[in-house]
Amino acid sequence: MVATKRVPVPLEIWDELSRLKEPGQTFGELIEEMIESEKKLRLLKDMKKVEETAEFVEI
């Protein structure tokens, strides 16, 4: 499903996004990659937090 939406961003952000975008890559594809990267970073952050704060027992 394709939904065409407009997201207003400052010119500086648009320029940064344009620099990150590879030739032939759409902004949708770039944003999709960025979302996946953020999900992975959050998972790693959560795992590290659990590792630092949780008590583990031997099995």
C-alpha atoms as a PDB file:
ATOM      1  CA  MET A   1       0.000   0.000   0.000  1.00  0.00           C
ATOM      2  CA  VAL A   2       1.417   3.337  -0.995  1.00  0.00           C
ATOM      3  CA  ALA A   3       0.343   6.439   0.868  1.00  0.00           C
ATOM      4  CA  THR A   4       1.573   9.797  -0.291  1.00  0.00           C
ATOM      5  CA  LYS A   5       2.070  12.024   2.716  1.00  0.00           C
ATOM      6  CA  ARG A   6       3.966  15.228   3.187  1.00  0.00           C
ATOM      7  CA  VAL A   7       6.235  15.668   6.157  1.00  0.00           C
ATOM      8  CA  PRO A   8       7.514  19.211   6.599  1.00  0.00           C
ATOM      9  CA  VAL A   9      11.193  19.300   7.539  1.00  0.00           C
ATOM     10  CA  PRO A  10      13.623  22.177   7.839  1.00  0.00           C
ATOM     11  CA  LEU A  11      15.913  22.729   4.866  1.00  0.00           C
ATOM     12  CA  GLU A  12      18.934  21.599   6.906  1.00  0.00           C
ATOM     13  CA  ILE A  13      17.301  18.221   7.575  1.00  0.00           C
ATOM     14  CA  TRP A  14      16.315  17.869   3.909  1.00  0.00           C
ATOM     15  CA  ASP A  15      19.918  18.534   2.914  1.00  0.00           C
ATOM     16  CA  GLU A  16      21.196  15.914   5.378  1.00  0.00           C
ATOM     17  CA  LEU A  17      18.706  13.344   4.113  1.00  0.00           C
ATOM     18  CA  SER A  18      19.699  14.123   0.534  1.00  0.00           C
ATOM     19  CA  ARG A  19      23.365  13.541   1.397  1.00  0.00           C
ATOM     20  CA  LEU A  20      22.536  10.190   3.026  1.00  0.00           C
ATOM     21  CA  LYS A  21      20.485   9.016   0.068  1.00  0.00           C
ATOM     22  CA  GLU A  22      22.414   6.871  -2.402  1.00  0.00           C
ATOM     23  CA  PRO A  23      22.049   7.313  -6.172  1.00  0.00           C
ATOM     24  CA  GLY A  24      18.869   5.632  -7.373  1.00  0.00           C
ATOM     25  CA  GLN A  25      17.550   5.256  -3.825  1.00  0.00           C
ATOM     26  CA  THR A  26      14.165   6.752  -3.024  1.00  0.00           C
ATOM     27  CA  PHE A  27      13.522   8.752   0.118  1.00  0.00           C
ATOM     28  CA  GLY A  28      11.062   6.019   1.118  1.00  0.00           C
ATOM     29  CA  GLU A  29      13.813   3.410   0.891  1.00  0.00           C
ATOM     30  CA  LEU A  30      16.192   5.632   2.851  1.00  0.00           C
ATOM     31  CA  ILE A  31      13.624   6.175   5.586  1.00  0.00           C
ATOM     32  CA  GLU A  32      12.890   2.442   5.686  1.00  0.00           C
ATOM     33  CA  GLU A  33      16.618   1.738   6.204  1.00  0.00           C
ATOM     34  CA  MET A  34      16.787   4.382   8.914  1.00  0.00           C
ATOM     35  CA  ILE A  35      13.798   2.849  10.707  1.00  0.00           C
ATOM     36  CA  GLU A  36      15.378  -0.618  10.649  1.00  0.00           C
ATOM     37  CA  SER A  37      18.669   0.786  11.941  1.00  0.00           C
ATOM     38  CA  GLU A  38      16.873   2.569  14.773  1.00  0.00           C
ATOM     39  CA  LYS A  39      15.001  -0.607  15.723  1.00  0.00           C
ATOM     40  CA  LYS A  40      18.281  -2.533  15.906  1.00  0.00           C
ATOM     41  CA  LEU A  41      19.937   0.190  17.976  1.00  0.00           C
ATOM     42  CA  ARG A  42      17.020   0.244  20.417  1.00  0.00           C
ATOM     43  CA  LEU A  43      17.102  -3.543  20.745  1.00  0.00           C
ATOM     44  CA  LEU A  44      20.836  -3.487  21.474  1.00  0.00           C
ATOM     45  CA  LYS A  45      20.329  -0.671  23.984  1.00  0.00           C
ATOM     46  CA  ASP A  46      17.544  -2.610  25.708  1.00  0.00           C
ATOM     47  CA  MET A  47      19.637  -5.791  25.779  1.00  0.00           C
ATOM     48  CA  LYS A  48      22.574  -3.919  27.289  1.00  0.00           C
ATOM     49  CA  LYS A  49      20.299  -2.373  29.918  1.00  0.00           C
ATOM     50  CA  VAL A  50      18.958  -5.805  30.879  1.00  0.00           C
ATOM     51  CA  GLU A  51      22.467  -7.224  30.955  1.00  0.00           C
ATOM     52  CA  GLU A  52      23.628  -4.449  33.291  1.00  0.00           C
ATOM     53  CA  THR A  53      20.647  -4.442  35.638  1.00  0.00           C
ATOM     54  CA  ALA A  54      19.265  -7.974  35.655  1.00  0.00           C
ATOM     55  CA  GLU A  55      20.356 -10.767  37.919  1.00  0.00           C
ATOM     56  CA  PHE A  56      20.913 -14.065  36.155  1.00  0.00           C
ATOM     57  CA  VAL A  57      20.863 -17.530  37.675  1.00  0.00           C
ATOM     58  CA  GLU A  58      22.804 -20.559  36.560  1.00  0.00           C
ATOM     59  CA  ILE A  59      20.836 -23.232  34.807  1.00  0.00           C
END
